[in-house]
Amino acid sequence: MTRVSENSNTHAVNYSIGKAKKHLEDLQMKGSSLLNINRPSDNPIANVEALHLTSSSTDNRQYMRNADFATLQLNTADKVLEQLGEMLLKAKEIALQQSSDFYDDNIRKNVSNEIKQIYNQALAVANTRVGNRYIFAGHSTLNPPFNEFGDYLGDKGHVHLEISKDFFIPANLNGYEIFYNSNSSTKLNESPVKAIRDTLDLKGDKETINSGPLENNRDLASVDTVDTGSNKFTKENNLFGILTNLNTALETNNSKIIHELLEHFDENISRLITLRTRVGSIITSIDMTKDSIHGDNVNNAAQKSKLIDADIAEVFSDIEKQQSVLRTTYQSSNAMMNKTLLDFLR
């Protein structure tokens, strides 16, 4: 027959009471925090899954910030393209009117002042900023992309932002593809590493076209000019050069040049429409990605709730049960404890 000592009884009672109190404490922690996992050791596997879901939600928040910033940039660019299109249509209307022999040199000189204003307006929107960054300067966003002569001082780079996992979009248009006759295009998911490499390859090969300021009695500076009578006109097909040539043709009463510029106006207007279409497609892609991210966030939150959130009804039911267990443990141990020597001598 095995002999049970008083020390053994005492340790057994203390162990039973401590175990019941520990279980009750865990349930009370769950009830107060409303979490099923308060320590990683409570459920290591579920804790790892919850951490992955938290990391994914954090990434999604950054993707949303990137998408919002890209949307702001592209909406601003689209507004500028719309304004430039209206300016070119106005200038084309003037050129179409003044190409007729019905107007004399005095009228054309007076009309040239309106072309100067259109030129200045185009130059102003070409240096549009969002915050303190010039949106048409490529990667050189802290410096004005155009000077007073219409020279492009930026680069051909695009700022790429990641708006979902491994999905990059160009968040800007560079001034060269807007104001100059460029056939460059950008893929929606082009890697920014490749864009940076392309920018480095273009370093030292920056293309600028001097159109010259709009003022009376001057020759227009250009990298490539053509003589027409006693005046020089830029040969390059760029927005500022066309406006400059139109202004010069009006001042010099040259209807032939005015008529020839109509085709160039159409080309530039067509290019602006193409760019607006591209910007619109990128914005649509951003909106679809944002909707997908919203859906992922909802799913992640639901899955995380299943892993770490406590079932309140079940927790409080378990608390009541465990309190009954603890009371029973106290009552059963009461008969075993508080024994004296006289109790054994009876």
Protein backbone atom coordinates (compact mmCIF):
# COMPACT_ATOMS: atom_id res chain seq x y z
CA MET A 1 0.00 0.00 0.00
CA THR A 2 1.42 3.34 -1.02
CA ARG A 3 1.80 5.88 1.75
CA VAL A 4 0.73 9.45 0.96
CA SER A 5 2.53 12.04 3.01
CA GLU A 6 1.20 15.43 4.07
CA ASN A 7 3.76 17.15 1.87
CA SER A 8 2.49 15.19 -1.11
CA ASN A 9 -1.08 16.23 -0.31
CA THR A 10 -0.02 19.85 0.07
CA HIS A 11 1.83 19.87 -3.25
CA ALA A 12 -1.12 18.20 -5.01
CA VAL A 13 -3.55 20.74 -3.61
CA ASN A 14 -1.31 23.68 -4.50
CA TYR A 15 -0.83 22.32 -8.01
CA SER A 16 -4.58 21.89 -8.55
CA ILE A 17 -5.38 25.35 -7.24
CA GLY A 18 -2.56 26.97 -9.24
CA LYS A 19 -3.65 25.20 -12.44
CA ALA A 20 -7.27 26.30 -11.99
CA LYS A 21 -6.23 29.89 -11.23
CA LYS A 22 -3.86 29.95 -14.24
CA HIS A 23 -6.62 28.78 -16.56
CA LEU A 24 -9.01 31.35 -15.10
CA GLU A 25 -6.38 34.09 -15.52
CA ASP A 26 -5.91 33.18 -19.21
CA LEU A 27 -9.65 33.36 -19.76
CA GLN A 28 -9.85 36.72 -18.00
CA MET A 29 -7.03 38.05 -20.22
CA LYS A 30 -8.93 36.92 -23.29
CA GLY A 31 -12.07 38.58 -22.00
CA SER A 32 -10.32 41.87 -21.25
CA SER A 33 -8.27 42.04 -24.49
CA LEU A 34 -10.91 40.34 -26.70
CA LEU A 35 -8.03 38.43 -28.28
CA ASN A 36 -7.61 34.71 -28.50
CA ILE A 37 -3.82 35.07 -28.78
CA ASN A 38 -2.09 37.32 -26.24
CA ARG A 39 1.33 35.70 -26.50
CA PRO A 40 2.98 33.92 -29.44
CA SER A 41 3.16 30.77 -27.34
CA ASP A 42 -0.66 30.65 -27.13
CA ASN A 43 -0.84 29.46 -30.76
CA PRO A 44 2.47 29.73 -32.70
CA ILE A 45 1.02 28.67 -36.06
CA ALA A 46 -1.93 31.07 -35.93
CA ASN A 47 0.41 33.82 -34.70
CA VAL A 48 2.68 33.40 -37.75
CA GLU A 49 -0.31 33.52 -40.10
CA ALA A 50 -1.60 36.65 -38.36
CA LEU A 51 1.82 38.32 -38.74
CA HIS A 52 1.80 37.56 -42.47
CA LEU A 53 -1.66 39.09 -42.79
CA THR A 54 -0.54 42.17 -40.83
CA SER A 55 2.49 42.57 -43.09
CA SER A 56 0.29 42.27 -46.19
CA SER A 57 -2.10 44.92 -44.85
CA THR A 58 0.84 47.25 -44.13
CA ASP A 59 2.11 46.79 -47.69
CA ASN A 60 -1.37 47.50 -49.03
CA ARG A 61 -1.52 50.78 -47.12
CA GLN A 62 1.72 51.88 -48.78
CA TYR A 63 0.43 50.72 -52.17
CA MET A 64 -2.68 52.85 -51.61
CA ARG A 65 -0.53 55.90 -50.78
CA ASN A 66 1.49 55.30 -53.95
CA ALA A 67 -1.70 54.93 -55.99
CA ASP A 68 -3.17 58.14 -54.54
CA PHE A 69 0.04 60.06 -55.30
CA ALA A 70 0.17 58.69 -58.85
CA THR A 71 -3.50 59.58 -59.37
CA LEU A 72 -2.84 63.15 -58.23
CA GLN A 73 0.13 63.49 -60.59
CA LEU A 74 -1.68 61.99 -63.57
CA ASN A 75 -4.88 63.97 -63.02
CA THR A 76 -2.79 67.15 -62.95
CA ALA A 77 -0.99 66.09 -66.13
CA ASP A 78 -4.32 65.32 -67.81
CA LYS A 79 -5.60 68.78 -66.88
CA VAL A 80 -2.46 70.38 -68.35
CA LEU A 81 -2.84 68.36 -71.55
CA GLU A 82 -6.42 69.57 -71.82
CA GLN A 83 -5.30 73.19 -71.40
CA LEU A 84 -2.53 72.77 -73.97
CA GLY A 85 -5.01 71.27 -76.43
CA GLU A 86 -7.27 74.30 -76.02
CA MET A 87 -4.31 76.63 -76.53
CA LEU A 88 -3.24 74.86 -79.72
CA LEU A 89 -6.79 74.88 -81.06
CA LYS A 90 -6.95 78.62 -80.43
CA ALA A 91 -3.57 79.17 -82.11
CA LYS A 92 -4.61 76.96 -85.05
CA GLU A 93 -7.81 78.96 -85.43
CA ILE A 94 -5.76 82.15 -85.58
CA ALA A 95 -3.34 80.60 -88.10
CA LEU A 96 -6.21 79.39 -90.23
CA GLN A 97 -7.72 82.88 -90.32
CA GLN A 98 -4.44 84.68 -90.94
CA SER A 99 -3.33 82.29 -93.71
CA SER A 100 -5.85 84.01 -95.96
CA ASP A 101 -4.70 86.96 -98.10
CA PHE A 102 -7.69 88.86 -96.79
CA TYR A 103 -5.63 90.18 -93.86
CA ASP A 104 -2.81 92.69 -94.20
CA ASP A 105 0.45 93.04 -92.28
CA ASN A 106 -0.96 95.47 -89.67
CA ILE A 107 -3.70 93.05 -88.63
CA ARG A 108 -1.25 90.16 -88.45
CA LYS A 109 1.16 92.12 -86.27
CA ASN A 110 -1.66 92.92 -83.88
CA VAL A 111 -2.80 89.30 -83.82
CA SER A 112 0.76 88.17 -83.04
CA ASN A 113 0.33 89.59 -79.53
CA GLU A 114 -2.28 86.93 -78.83
CA ILE A 115 0.13 84.22 -79.96
CA LYS A 116 2.70 85.61 -77.53
CA GLN A 117 0.18 85.24 -74.71
CA ILE A 118 -0.56 81.65 -75.76
CA TYR A 119 3.18 80.97 -75.78
CA ASN A 120 3.56 82.38 -72.27
CA GLN A 121 0.57 80.38 -71.02
CA ALA A 122 2.00 77.19 -72.51
CA LEU A 123 5.34 77.92 -70.85
CA ALA A 124 3.60 78.47 -67.51
CA VAL A 125 1.73 75.15 -67.58
CA ALA A 126 4.88 73.39 -68.82
CA ASN A 127 6.45 74.20 -65.43
CA THR A 128 3.46 72.95 -63.44
CA ARG A 129 4.26 71.73 -59.94
CA VAL A 130 2.53 69.42 -57.49
CA GLY A 131 3.77 70.51 -54.11
CA ASN A 132 7.39 71.47 -54.70
CA ARG A 133 8.00 69.01 -57.55
CA TYR A 134 7.82 69.77 -61.27
CA ILE A 135 5.76 67.00 -62.81
CA PHE A 136 7.13 67.30 -66.36
CA ALA A 137 10.85 67.28 -65.54
CA GLY A 138 11.36 63.50 -65.68
CA HIS A 139 13.58 62.53 -62.75
CA SER A 140 14.83 66.11 -62.19
CA THR A 141 11.67 67.08 -60.34
CA LEU A 142 13.24 69.83 -58.22
CA ASN A 143 14.33 71.97 -61.19
CA PRO A 144 12.09 73.77 -63.74
CA PRO A 145 11.93 71.64 -66.90
CA PHE A 146 11.65 74.59 -69.32
CA ASN A 147 13.42 77.93 -69.48
CA GLU A 148 12.07 81.14 -71.05
CA PHE A 149 13.22 80.03 -74.51
CA GLY A 150 11.23 76.79 -74.37
CA ASP A 151 14.34 74.61 -73.99
CA TYR A 152 13.70 71.32 -72.21
CA LEU A 153 16.14 70.99 -69.30
CA GLY A 154 14.79 67.78 -67.80
CA ASP A 155 15.26 64.18 -68.91
CA LYS A 156 13.15 61.51 -70.57
CA GLY A 157 12.69 59.50 -67.39
CA HIS A 158 9.44 58.33 -65.81
CA VAL A 159 8.86 58.03 -62.08
CA HIS A 160 7.58 54.50 -61.48
CA LEU A 161 5.54 53.62 -58.40
CA GLU A 162 4.57 50.17 -57.16
CA ILE A 163 0.81 50.14 -56.60
CA SER A 164 0.51 46.39 -55.96
CA LYS A 165 2.87 43.47 -55.61
CA ASP A 166 5.39 43.70 -58.49
CA PHE A 167 3.10 46.02 -60.48
CA PHE A 168 4.71 49.35 -61.38
CA ILE A 169 3.08 52.24 -63.22
CA PRO A 170 4.57 55.49 -64.58
CA ALA A 171 3.28 58.33 -62.39
CA ASN A 172 4.28 61.16 -64.72
CA LEU A 173 4.85 62.33 -68.28
CA ASN A 174 8.12 64.00 -69.19
CA GLY A 175 8.18 67.32 -70.97
CA TYR A 176 9.93 65.95 -74.03
CA GLU A 177 7.11 63.61 -75.03
CA ILE A 178 4.50 66.35 -74.45
CA PHE A 179 6.06 69.40 -76.05
CA TYR A 180 8.36 67.74 -78.60
CA ASN A 181 7.67 65.28 -81.38
CA SER A 182 8.60 62.08 -79.58
CA ASN A 183 7.53 58.51 -80.26
CA SER A 184 8.57 57.27 -76.84
CA SER A 185 6.10 55.07 -75.00
CA THR A 186 5.94 53.50 -71.56
CA LYS A 187 4.64 50.09 -70.55
CA LEU A 188 2.38 50.05 -67.52
CA ASN A 189 4.41 47.43 -65.69
CA GLU A 190 7.87 48.50 -66.78
CA SER A 191 10.44 47.95 -64.06
CA PRO A 192 11.86 51.13 -62.49
CA VAL A 193 15.31 49.52 -62.52
CA LYS A 194 15.18 49.40 -66.31
CA ALA A 195 13.95 52.99 -66.40
CA ILE A 196 16.91 54.12 -64.29
CA ARG A 197 19.31 52.20 -66.53
CA ASP A 198 17.78 53.80 -69.60
CA THR A 199 18.15 57.21 -67.98
CA LEU A 200 21.84 56.57 -67.33
CA ASP A 201 22.27 55.52 -70.96
CA LEU A 202 20.68 58.79 -72.08
CA LYS A 203 22.94 60.83 -69.82
CA GLY A 204 25.04 63.15 -71.89
CA ASP A 205 22.65 62.79 -74.82
CA LYS A 206 19.96 65.24 -73.73
CA GLU A 207 18.07 66.72 -76.63
CA THR A 208 17.12 70.38 -76.41
CA ILE A 209 15.59 72.59 -79.04
CA ASN A 210 15.93 76.32 -78.83
CA SER A 211 12.87 78.13 -80.02
CA GLY A 212 13.88 81.59 -78.81
CA PRO A 213 11.88 84.10 -76.80
CA LEU A 214 8.87 85.80 -78.32
CA GLU A 215 9.86 89.40 -78.89
CA ASN A 216 9.91 91.78 -81.83
CA ASN A 217 12.81 92.25 -84.27
CA ARG A 218 14.86 89.15 -83.52
CA ASP A 219 16.14 85.97 -85.17
CA LEU A 220 14.93 82.72 -83.69
CA ALA A 221 17.70 80.54 -82.32
CA SER A 222 17.46 76.85 -83.23
CA VAL A 223 19.68 73.87 -83.67
CA ASP A 224 18.30 73.56 -87.18
CA THR A 225 16.89 76.54 -89.06
CA VAL A 226 15.69 77.24 -92.54
CA ASP A 227 15.91 80.56 -94.36
CA THR A 228 12.67 81.98 -95.74
CA GLY A 229 13.28 85.37 -97.24
CA SER A 230 15.16 87.48 -94.74
CA ASN A 231 13.83 85.64 -91.64
CA LYS A 232 14.70 82.39 -89.92
CA PHE A 233 12.15 79.85 -88.78
CA THR A 234 12.66 76.78 -86.64
CA LYS A 235 12.44 73.52 -88.51
CA GLU A 236 11.76 71.31 -85.50
CA ASN A 237 8.21 70.08 -84.91
CA ASN A 238 7.75 71.08 -81.28
CA LEU A 239 5.01 73.01 -79.58
CA PHE A 240 7.06 76.05 -78.60
CA GLY A 241 8.80 76.16 -81.97
CA ILE A 242 5.47 76.16 -83.80
CA LEU A 243 4.10 79.00 -81.69
CA THR A 244 7.33 80.92 -82.17
CA ASN A 245 7.23 80.39 -85.94
CA LEU A 246 3.61 81.46 -86.09
CA ASN A 247 4.40 84.60 -84.14
CA THR A 248 7.32 85.40 -86.45
CA ALA A 249 5.25 84.70 -89.57
CA LEU A 250 2.53 87.03 -88.33
CA GLU A 251 5.01 89.79 -87.56
CA THR A 252 6.70 89.44 -90.96
CA ASN A 253 3.39 89.03 -92.85
CA ASN A 254 4.45 85.64 -94.27
CA SER A 255 1.20 83.85 -95.20
CA LYS A 256 3.06 80.91 -96.75
CA ILE A 257 4.67 79.91 -93.45
CA ILE A 258 1.37 80.42 -91.62
CA HIS A 259 -0.33 78.01 -94.02
CA GLU A 260 2.47 75.41 -93.68
CA LEU A 261 2.19 75.50 -89.88
CA LEU A 262 -1.42 74.23 -89.95
CA GLU A 263 -0.26 70.65 -90.53
CA HIS A 264 2.15 70.88 -87.58
CA PHE A 265 -0.66 72.11 -85.35
CA ASP A 266 -2.67 69.03 -86.28
CA GLU A 267 0.27 66.74 -85.46
CA ASN A 268 0.77 68.29 -82.03
CA ILE A 269 -2.94 68.24 -81.21
CA SER A 270 -3.06 64.57 -82.21
CA ARG A 271 -0.07 63.84 -79.97
CA LEU A 272 -1.75 65.52 -77.00
CA ILE A 273 -4.89 63.44 -77.58
CA THR A 274 -2.80 60.27 -77.66
CA LEU A 275 -1.07 61.22 -74.41
CA ARG A 276 -4.42 61.96 -72.73
CA THR A 277 -5.62 58.52 -73.80
CA ARG A 278 -2.52 56.95 -72.29
CA VAL A 279 -2.93 58.87 -69.04
CA GLY A 280 -6.58 57.84 -68.88
CA SER A 281 -5.70 54.17 -69.31
CA ILE A 282 -3.13 54.37 -66.49
CA ILE A 283 -5.63 56.06 -64.18
CA THR A 284 -8.18 53.34 -64.97
CA SER A 285 -5.57 50.70 -64.16
CA ILE A 286 -4.85 52.45 -60.84
CA ASP A 287 -8.56 52.54 -59.95
CA MET A 288 -8.93 48.83 -60.67
CA THR A 289 -5.87 48.05 -58.57
CA LYS A 290 -7.19 50.15 -55.68
CA ASP A 291 -10.48 48.23 -55.78
CA SER A 292 -8.51 44.98 -55.66
CA ILE A 293 -6.49 46.22 -52.69
CA HIS A 294 -9.69 47.19 -50.85
CA GLY A 295 -10.97 43.66 -51.38
CA ASP A 296 -7.69 42.15 -50.14
CA ASN A 297 -7.82 44.32 -47.01
CA VAL A 298 -11.34 43.12 -46.21
CA ASN A 299 -10.34 39.48 -46.69
CA ASN A 300 -7.18 39.91 -44.63
CA ALA A 301 -9.10 41.55 -41.80
CA ALA A 302 -11.71 38.75 -41.78
CA GLN A 303 -9.03 36.04 -41.80
CA LYS A 304 -7.01 37.75 -39.07
CA SER A 305 -10.13 38.13 -36.95
CA LYS A 306 -10.76 34.40 -37.17
CA LEU A 307 -7.20 33.70 -36.04
CA ILE A 308 -6.71 36.09 -33.12
CA ASP A 309 -10.08 37.48 -32.05
CA ALA A 310 -11.82 35.76 -29.15
CA ASP A 311 -15.38 34.47 -29.21
CA ILE A 312 -16.86 36.67 -26.46
CA ALA A 313 -19.82 34.40 -25.66
CA GLU A 314 -17.58 31.35 -25.45
CA VAL A 315 -14.96 33.14 -23.35
CA PHE A 316 -17.40 34.36 -20.70
CA SER A 317 -19.08 30.96 -20.59
CA ASP A 318 -15.67 29.36 -19.99
CA ILE A 319 -14.92 31.94 -17.28
CA GLU A 320 -18.05 30.96 -15.36
CA LYS A 321 -17.19 27.29 -15.70
CA GLN A 322 -13.63 27.84 -14.53
CA GLN A 323 -14.79 29.88 -11.54
CA SER A 324 -16.97 26.93 -10.53
CA VAL A 325 -13.98 24.61 -10.95
CA LEU A 326 -11.86 26.87 -8.75
CA ARG A 327 -14.52 27.03 -6.06
CA THR A 328 -14.84 23.24 -6.10
CA THR A 329 -11.07 22.90 -5.84
CA TYR A 330 -11.02 25.20 -2.80
CA GLN A 331 -13.81 23.25 -1.12
CA SER A 332 -12.27 19.83 -1.77
CA SER A 333 -8.87 20.94 -0.56
CA ASN A 334 -10.36 22.46 2.57
CA ALA A 335 -11.05 18.99 3.99
CA MET A 336 -7.47 17.89 3.32
CA MET A 337 -5.75 20.99 4.59
CA ASN A 338 -5.78 22.60 8.06
CA LYS A 339 -5.29 19.21 9.74
CA THR A 340 -3.67 19.12 13.19
CA LEU A 341 -1.88 16.35 15.10
CA LEU A 342 -4.98 15.84 17.26
CA ASP A 343 -6.99 14.93 14.17
CA PHE A 344 -4.63 11.99 13.57
CA LEU A 345 -4.58 10.87 17.23
CA ARG A 346 -8.31 10.43 17.49
